[in-house]
Amino acid sequence: MKHLLLLLTLLTLPFAAVAQDDDGEGYLTRLIQDNLSGDDRIVDVQGFEGALSSRATVDKITVADSEGVWLELNNVVLDWNRSALLRGRIDVQELTAELVKLERAPVSDAASVPSPEATPFSLPELPVGITLDTLDIARIELGETFLGEAVALSLTGSASLANGEGEADVTATRLDGQTGVFAINGNYDNESKVLGLNLNVEEGADGIVSRLMGLPDRPSLKLAITGEAPISDFAADMSLATDGQDRITGDFALNSTEGQTGFALNIGGDLTPLLAADYQGFFGPDVSLIAAGSLSDGGIFSLSKLDLKAQRLTLTGQATIGSSGW
């Protein structure tokens, strides 16, 4: 997601600074390259046209580091409302690209890596509000390093960010011969700290999620997570189906307080298709799990409640594991 935010930054924020500049495309090109390049980041913009019109096009944008180009965008079109700048907004009617290639993650500078200390989540406060009515990227190619295999997909949706409030509705669809749809609709407000989340993932057989989860025979699956609550006390419903049959349903919750993060889980269903054949008879077709606990900032894991029921197993208990693993 952070790479998509970089894409939006590359194509929108600089316009506010040059909307009335007489040097047109040349100045805008230099502005983007100079301001978005850094010690280990080189941004190159080629074929920029229409800087002072409501429709701007770019033939090619590349972002490179010490190991070479890691992000490339081709045939980009930005249709935006210039007059909205007078109201302190960047109003983009349509942002499209023919091809986005993301070969790998950029090389990170160890000196610039943020401290691992936990900080409260918040959306960035931008000097201007951004509204993106239509996002349409015809093809995105992700390198193997991201998901363990090369993936090609399209991306459509909309997004907005202003005054600490953000909303996004984005759908990614695979284009490489595999069936796969990833859809997320979410919103967050820095003031109320309420997070709304609606996540749906559908994949055909031999999909990415079933591979990462190690599911036997890699079945088709559908995963749904839905919730709306303050992020410090977030709760959501979840369901997982494989081969068109419901397998797991339930809910989970996360609670953040000073010094620790609490969790609660209540799920159940028929797990046999998700387990190796040797374990299916042991757990049986009706498994329930209730668990609650916390993880402290110091690495202490506390399991305050555990209640697991299966065909040949009933397990209850509590546990505390120190930061050293004992």
Protein backbone atom coordinates (compact mmCIF):
# COMPACT_ATOMS: atom_id res chain seq x y z
CA MET A 1 0.00 0.00 0.00
CA LYS A 2 2.81 2.42 0.76
CA HIS A 3 4.02 2.03 -2.83
CA LEU A 4 0.59 3.09 -4.08
CA LEU A 5 0.80 6.18 -1.88
CA LEU A 6 4.16 6.97 -3.48
CA LEU A 7 2.52 6.64 -6.91
CA LEU A 8 -0.20 9.10 -5.93
CA THR A 9 2.39 11.50 -4.52
CA LEU A 10 4.44 11.35 -7.72
CA LEU A 11 1.45 12.36 -9.81
CA THR A 12 -0.48 14.86 -7.74
CA LEU A 13 1.31 16.83 -5.03
CA PRO A 14 3.74 18.69 -7.31
CA PHE A 15 0.88 20.26 -9.29
CA ALA A 16 -0.06 22.53 -6.42
CA ALA A 17 3.35 24.20 -6.58
CA VAL A 18 3.37 24.90 -10.33
CA ALA A 19 -0.25 25.50 -11.26
CA GLN A 20 0.50 29.09 -12.29
CA ASP A 21 4.12 28.76 -13.41
CA ASP A 22 4.93 29.94 -16.95
CA ASP A 23 7.75 27.46 -17.53
CA GLY A 24 5.22 24.63 -17.92
CA GLU A 25 6.33 21.07 -18.33
CA GLY A 26 10.06 21.68 -18.00
CA TYR A 27 9.76 23.28 -14.58
CA LEU A 28 7.30 20.67 -13.37
CA THR A 29 9.56 17.86 -14.51
CA ARG A 30 12.51 19.35 -12.62
CA LEU A 31 10.36 19.96 -9.56
CA ILE A 32 9.19 16.35 -9.38
CA GLN A 33 12.66 14.95 -9.95
CA ASP A 34 14.43 17.28 -7.51
CA ASN A 35 11.91 17.08 -4.68
CA LEU A 36 11.15 13.37 -4.83
CA SER A 37 14.73 12.24 -5.36
CA GLY A 38 16.91 11.63 -2.31
CA ASP A 39 20.21 10.17 -1.15
CA ASP A 40 19.30 6.72 -2.44
CA ARG A 41 16.29 7.50 -4.63
CA ILE A 42 16.48 8.86 -8.16
CA VAL A 43 13.23 9.85 -9.87
CA ASP A 44 13.29 10.27 -13.65
CA VAL A 45 10.34 11.71 -15.59
CA GLN A 46 10.12 11.44 -19.38
CA GLY A 47 7.62 12.91 -21.84
CA PHE A 48 5.62 15.18 -19.50
CA GLU A 49 2.92 17.15 -21.35
CA GLY A 50 -0.03 19.30 -20.32
CA ALA A 51 1.39 20.61 -17.04
CA LEU A 52 -0.79 23.72 -17.17
CA SER A 53 -3.94 22.05 -18.47
CA SER A 54 -6.55 19.92 -16.75
CA ARG A 55 -5.20 16.81 -18.48
CA ALA A 56 -1.55 15.90 -18.04
CA THR A 57 0.27 12.92 -19.50
CA VAL A 58 3.61 11.27 -18.75
CA ASP A 59 5.28 8.77 -21.03
CA LYS A 60 7.43 7.19 -18.35
CA ILE A 61 8.46 7.58 -14.70
CA THR A 62 11.16 5.49 -13.06
CA VAL A 63 12.37 5.36 -9.47
CA ALA A 64 15.81 3.90 -8.83
CA ASP A 65 18.16 3.25 -5.91
CA SER A 66 21.74 1.97 -5.64
CA GLU A 67 20.71 -1.36 -7.18
CA GLY A 68 18.85 0.12 -10.15
CA VAL A 69 15.25 0.82 -11.13
CA TRP A 70 12.67 -0.74 -8.82
CA LEU A 71 9.51 1.13 -9.87
CA GLU A 72 8.42 2.02 -13.41
CA LEU A 73 5.21 3.66 -14.65
CA ASN A 74 4.24 3.91 -18.32
CA ASN A 75 1.68 6.03 -20.18
CA VAL A 76 0.21 7.85 -17.20
CA VAL A 77 -2.77 10.20 -17.54
CA LEU A 78 -3.91 12.64 -14.87
CA ASP A 79 -7.27 14.40 -15.34
CA TRP A 80 -7.70 16.94 -12.54
CA ASN A 81 -9.58 20.08 -11.53
CA ARG A 82 -7.10 22.97 -11.41
CA SER A 83 -9.56 25.41 -9.86
CA ALA A 84 -9.87 23.18 -6.79
CA LEU A 85 -6.38 24.32 -5.79
CA LEU A 86 -7.88 27.68 -4.84
CA ARG A 87 -9.90 25.82 -2.21
CA GLY A 88 -6.83 24.00 -0.89
CA ARG A 89 -7.60 20.69 -2.57
CA ILE A 90 -6.15 18.45 -5.26
CA ASP A 91 -9.21 17.09 -7.00
CA VAL A 92 -8.31 14.30 -9.43
CA GLN A 93 -11.14 13.07 -11.61
CA GLU A 94 -9.11 10.24 -13.12
CA LEU A 95 -5.66 8.75 -12.66
CA THR A 96 -4.78 6.03 -15.14
CA ALA A 97 -1.66 4.15 -16.17
CA GLU A 98 -1.06 1.55 -18.83
CA LEU A 99 1.63 -0.32 -16.91
CA VAL A 100 3.22 -0.21 -13.46
CA LYS A 101 6.20 -2.49 -12.82
CA LEU A 102 7.32 -3.07 -9.25
CA GLU A 103 10.27 -5.42 -9.47
CA ARG A 104 11.23 -5.38 -5.79
CA ALA A 105 11.10 -3.28 -2.66
CA PRO A 106 13.54 -0.37 -2.57
CA VAL A 107 16.85 -0.72 -0.77
CA SER A 108 16.42 0.64 2.75
CA ASP A 109 18.96 2.83 4.47
CA ALA A 110 19.64 1.37 7.92
CA ALA A 111 20.24 4.86 9.28
CA SER A 112 16.77 5.95 8.18
CA VAL A 113 14.86 2.97 9.59
CA PRO A 114 12.43 4.27 12.24
CA SER A 115 12.66 3.19 15.85
CA PRO A 116 10.80 -0.06 16.61
CA GLU A 117 8.94 1.66 19.45
CA ALA A 118 5.18 1.43 19.02
CA THR A 119 3.47 4.67 17.97
CA PRO A 120 -0.27 5.33 17.65
CA PHE A 121 -1.60 4.88 14.13
CA SER A 122 -2.67 8.04 12.31
CA LEU A 123 -3.16 9.19 8.75
CA PRO A 124 -0.67 11.76 7.42
CA GLU A 125 -1.71 15.39 7.69
CA LEU A 126 -1.12 16.82 4.20
CA PRO A 127 -0.94 20.55 3.39
CA VAL A 128 -3.79 20.05 0.89
CA GLY A 129 -6.67 17.61 0.67
CA ILE A 130 -6.58 14.95 -2.04
CA THR A 131 -9.59 13.41 -3.76
CA LEU A 132 -9.15 10.68 -6.36
CA ASP A 133 -12.46 9.88 -8.01
CA THR A 134 -11.22 7.17 -10.37
CA LEU A 135 -8.05 5.10 -10.17
CA ASP A 136 -7.52 2.76 -13.10
CA ILE A 137 -4.21 0.99 -13.64
CA ALA A 138 -4.55 -1.44 -16.52
CA ARG A 139 -1.66 -3.69 -15.49
CA ILE A 140 0.62 -3.95 -12.45
CA GLU A 141 3.48 -6.42 -12.51
CA LEU A 142 4.86 -7.43 -9.10
CA GLY A 143 8.20 -9.17 -8.85
CA GLU A 144 8.59 -12.58 -7.25
CA THR A 145 10.13 -11.14 -4.07
CA PHE A 146 6.79 -9.75 -2.84
CA LEU A 147 4.50 -12.79 -2.83
CA GLY A 148 6.80 -15.66 -3.72
CA GLU A 149 5.74 -15.63 -7.37
CA ALA A 150 5.46 -13.06 -10.13
CA VAL A 151 1.95 -11.58 -10.23
CA ALA A 152 0.13 -9.43 -12.80
CA LEU A 153 -3.06 -7.61 -11.84
CA SER A 154 -5.24 -4.61 -12.57
CA LEU A 155 -6.16 -1.99 -9.98
CA THR A 156 -9.30 0.15 -9.86
CA GLY A 157 -10.94 2.26 -7.20
CA SER A 158 -11.16 5.65 -5.52
CA ALA A 159 -9.60 7.36 -2.49
CA SER A 160 -9.59 10.59 -0.50
CA LEU A 161 -7.46 12.11 2.26
CA ALA A 162 -8.16 15.46 3.92
CA ASN A 163 -8.01 16.92 7.44
CA GLY A 164 -6.93 13.61 8.96
CA GLU A 165 -9.81 11.67 7.42
CA GLY A 166 -9.18 9.03 4.79
CA GLU A 167 -11.29 6.67 2.72
CA ALA A 168 -10.35 4.11 0.08
CA ASP A 169 -12.26 1.64 -2.07
CA VAL A 170 -9.81 -0.42 -4.12
CA THR A 171 -10.11 -3.67 -6.08
CA ALA A 172 -7.22 -5.67 -7.53
CA THR A 173 -7.92 -8.41 -10.10
CA ARG A 174 -5.33 -10.92 -11.33
CA LEU A 175 -4.53 -10.92 -15.05
CA ASP A 176 -2.00 -13.74 -15.33
CA GLY A 177 -4.31 -16.68 -15.94
CA GLN A 178 -5.13 -17.20 -12.26
CA THR A 179 -8.49 -16.33 -10.69
CA GLY A 180 -8.04 -13.79 -7.93
CA VAL A 181 -9.82 -10.70 -6.59
CA PHE A 182 -8.67 -8.56 -3.64
CA ALA A 183 -11.13 -5.86 -2.57
CA ILE A 184 -10.80 -3.49 0.36
CA ASN A 185 -13.14 -0.73 1.43
CA GLY A 186 -11.95 1.21 4.45
CA ASN A 187 -12.06 4.53 6.23
CA TYR A 188 -10.33 6.10 9.21
CA ASP A 189 -10.61 9.36 11.14
CA ASN A 190 -7.67 10.68 13.17
CA GLU A 191 -10.00 12.55 15.53
CA SER A 192 -12.51 9.80 16.35
CA LYS A 193 -9.89 7.07 15.73
CA VAL A 194 -12.66 4.86 14.30
CA LEU A 195 -11.55 2.35 11.67
CA GLY A 196 -14.01 0.88 9.21
CA LEU A 197 -12.83 -2.17 7.29
CA ASN A 198 -14.45 -4.42 4.71
CA LEU A 199 -11.97 -6.89 3.20
CA ASN A 200 -12.81 -9.59 0.68
CA VAL A 201 -10.37 -11.99 -0.95
CA GLU A 202 -11.44 -14.58 -3.53
CA GLU A 203 -9.03 -16.93 -5.27
CA GLY A 204 -9.26 -19.93 -7.54
CA ALA A 205 -7.41 -23.15 -6.86
CA ASP A 206 -3.65 -22.89 -6.36
CA GLY A 207 -3.91 -19.25 -5.31
CA ILE A 208 -1.48 -17.10 -3.38
CA VAL A 209 -3.30 -17.17 -0.02
CA SER A 210 -3.80 -20.95 0.02
CA ARG A 211 -0.12 -21.37 -0.81
CA LEU A 212 1.02 -19.01 1.93
CA MET A 213 -1.30 -20.74 4.42
CA GLY A 214 -0.03 -24.16 3.36
CA LEU A 215 -3.52 -25.54 2.71
CA PRO A 216 -3.59 -29.14 1.39
CA ASP A 217 -4.24 -29.33 -2.36
CA ARG A 218 -4.44 -25.52 -2.43
CA PRO A 219 -8.23 -25.19 -2.82
CA SER A 220 -10.14 -22.16 -4.03
CA LEU A 221 -11.05 -19.88 -1.14
CA LYS A 222 -13.00 -16.85 -0.03
CA LEU A 223 -11.96 -14.79 2.99
CA ALA A 224 -14.04 -11.93 4.43
CA ILE A 225 -13.24 -9.59 7.34
CA THR A 226 -15.67 -6.84 8.35
CA GLY A 227 -15.56 -4.45 11.28
CA GLU A 228 -16.00 -0.85 12.44
CA ALA A 229 -14.73 0.32 15.81
CA PRO A 230 -12.10 2.56 17.46
CA ILE A 231 -8.68 1.27 16.45
CA SER A 232 -7.65 1.00 20.12
CA ASP A 233 -10.50 -1.47 20.68
CA PHE A 234 -11.09 -2.92 17.24
CA ALA A 235 -13.37 -5.91 16.62
CA ALA A 236 -14.31 -7.66 13.39
CA ASP A 237 -16.23 -10.64 12.05
CA MET A 238 -14.42 -13.11 9.83
CA SER A 239 -15.28 -16.07 7.63
CA LEU A 240 -13.29 -18.47 5.48
CA ALA A 241 -14.68 -20.77 2.82
CA THR A 242 -12.86 -23.22 0.55
CA ASP A 243 -14.20 -24.90 -2.58
CA GLY A 244 -17.49 -23.04 -2.06
CA GLN A 245 -18.09 -24.45 1.46
CA ASP A 246 -17.97 -22.49 4.74
CA ARG A 247 -15.09 -23.67 6.93
CA ILE A 248 -14.45 -21.11 9.67
CA THR A 249 -16.64 -18.33 11.06
CA GLY A 250 -16.26 -16.16 14.13
CA ASP A 251 -14.82 -12.90 15.34
CA PHE A 252 -11.67 -11.39 16.75
CA ALA A 253 -10.75 -8.25 18.67
CA LEU A 254 -7.63 -6.21 19.34
CA ASN A 255 -7.25 -3.87 22.31
CA SER A 256 -4.37 -1.42 22.62
CA THR A 257 -3.47 0.08 25.98
CA GLU A 258 -0.31 1.69 27.25
CA GLY A 259 2.40 -0.95 27.29
CA GLN A 260 0.53 -3.86 25.71
CA THR A 261 -1.80 -5.12 22.99
CA GLY A 262 -4.63 -7.42 23.94
CA PHE A 263 -6.42 -9.90 21.71
CA ALA A 264 -9.51 -12.11 21.75
CA LEU A 265 -10.53 -14.83 19.29
CA ASN A 266 -13.73 -16.86 19.01
CA ILE A 267 -13.91 -19.06 15.91
CA GLY A 268 -15.23 -22.46 14.94
CA GLY A 269 -16.17 -24.73 12.09
CA ASP A 270 -15.09 -27.72 10.04
CA LEU A 271 -11.31 -27.53 9.68
CA THR A 272 -10.75 -30.95 8.13
CA PRO A 273 -10.26 -29.66 4.55
CA LEU A 274 -7.64 -27.24 5.88
CA LEU A 275 -5.56 -29.93 7.60
CA ALA A 276 -3.26 -32.65 6.40
CA ALA A 277 -4.96 -36.07 6.17
CA ASP A 278 -3.14 -37.38 9.30
CA TYR A 279 -4.83 -34.73 11.47
CA GLN A 280 -8.35 -34.69 10.05
CA GLY A 281 -9.68 -37.58 12.16
CA PHE A 282 -8.14 -36.14 15.32
CA PHE A 283 -9.74 -32.70 15.06
CA GLY A 284 -12.97 -33.82 13.36
CA PRO A 285 -15.61 -31.75 11.54
CA ASP A 286 -16.53 -29.45 14.45
CA VAL A 287 -13.76 -27.46 16.13
CA SER A 288 -14.16 -24.40 18.35
CA LEU A 289 -11.48 -22.12 19.72
CA ILE A 290 -11.83 -19.35 22.27
CA ALA A 291 -8.67 -17.53 23.29
CA ALA A 292 -7.70 -14.24 24.90
CA GLY A 293 -4.46 -12.68 26.00
CA SER A 294 -1.97 -9.91 25.46
CA LEU A 295 1.52 -9.08 24.25
CA SER A 296 3.48 -6.45 26.12
CA ASP A 297 5.86 -3.97 24.54
CA GLY A 298 8.62 -5.80 26.40
CA GLY A 299 7.84 -9.06 24.59
CA ILE A 300 5.92 -10.88 27.36
CA PHE A 301 3.12 -13.04 25.95
CA SER A 302 0.19 -13.79 28.24
CA LEU A 303 -2.54 -16.26 27.33
CA SER A 304 -5.24 -15.56 29.90
CA LYS A 305 -7.83 -17.90 28.40
CA LEU A 306 -7.65 -20.95 26.15
CA ASP A 307 -10.61 -23.19 25.37
CA LEU A 308 -10.15 -25.59 22.44
CA LYS A 309 -12.66 -28.33 21.67
CA ALA A 310 -12.25 -30.92 18.91
CA GLN A 311 -13.33 -34.49 18.20
CA ARG A 312 -10.54 -36.08 20.26
CA LEU A 313 -9.28 -33.13 22.24
CA THR A 314 -10.41 -30.75 24.94
CA LEU A 315 -7.79 -28.26 26.01
CA THR A 316 -8.15 -25.43 28.51
CA GLY A 317 -5.53 -23.40 30.27
CA GLN A 318 -3.45 -20.30 30.73
CA ALA A 319 0.14 -19.46 29.97
CA THR A 320 2.71 -16.71 30.36
CA ILE A 321 5.84 -16.66 28.22
CA GLY A 322 8.62 -14.23 29.02
CA SER A 323 10.55 -12.20 26.49
CA SER A 324 13.36 -14.77 26.60
CA GLY A 325 10.96 -17.53 25.50
CA TRP A 326 10.46 -19.22 28.89
